[in-house]
Amino acid sequence: MIIKNGIRNGYPFLESIRSMVDIADEFLISDGYSEDGTYDLLETASKKFPNIKLYRDPWSCSGYGEFIAVMTNKLKERAQCEWVYNLQADEIIHEGMLSKLKRLTDGSPSQFGSYAVTFLHFVGDFYHVETNPGYDTAVRLVPNVEKNYVADDGWTFRGELEPIGLIKSPPLFHFGWVFSKDNIFKRKNQAENIHREQESYQQDYEFCKEIEEKFDENPDMFLGWQRKMLSYRKIRKYVGDYPQAALRLLTRGNVSYEPDLEILDLAITPHVVSQN
């Protein structure tokens, strides 16, 4: 996991860590010199779970998100295990996935060279998901060899992956665009530092900057921008269960991410959902 200013960007990183840390022989985290208290919380998590290995690496924000892949691959170089799983800071694993991942990485012969997972992309709140996302599957579990690398903006692996197995259920829960006030900062930051060449982001920058400053005074400004941003997306109501690590989030609303260290004490109960 790589992260920078996770609190400010609305990434539920503590819940993300808690959802998977129990089955990881080592859980590697690289913080990009956060300035919002994220690193302090990561240090607390690393003291709670000795398998967390915490690093700090400076980020260089350039290109179409490629730096995310660059930093993730730098972290991957430090991994010592035979298999690596790329979990991003705004994703939470359902406990039904844990036994599957453990079984697939226990050293037994595998008929597949890597494994992809399916996704649920939540948008605007915890109760609506995209029906036409940019991706609905991605390779996330791969053998730890140099030729396998994280690509693009970190969403998938490339390399010597064939044949690719698909873990159909449960899906990976992506909550990166749930927290409304945090989304303003994130969109503005991406426009300024990552997607400079994209006209749509350039147009958003000044608008996002304005409503970020006036959000508390006039939240209706955000609603107009939110409708604009989501106008091209198709969404549906989500009906289903949630990861145990995400349940506390649902009770706290979706204006801003408010870290809760008590999540680190949550007892996660793995169970098998299906054999796919």
Foldseek 3Di string as FASTA:
>chain_A
DEDAQCQLLQFQQVLQCLQAVVLDQAAEYEYQPHDNCPVVLVVVLCVLRVRYDYYYDHFAQEEQLFSLQVVVQVRLVPDDAFKFFDDDRRKHDALQCHVVVNVVRVPDDDPWQFEKFFEFEDAQADWKTFPDDPDGIATGMHTSDPQWGQDDNRRHIDGPTPPYHYDYPDGMYGHSHHAQLSNLVVLLCCCVGRPVVDPVSVVSNVLSVVCNVCCVVCVVSSVVVSCVVCVPTDMDTDDDDDHPSCVVVNVPTRNGDDDDSCSSVDDHDHDHPDDD
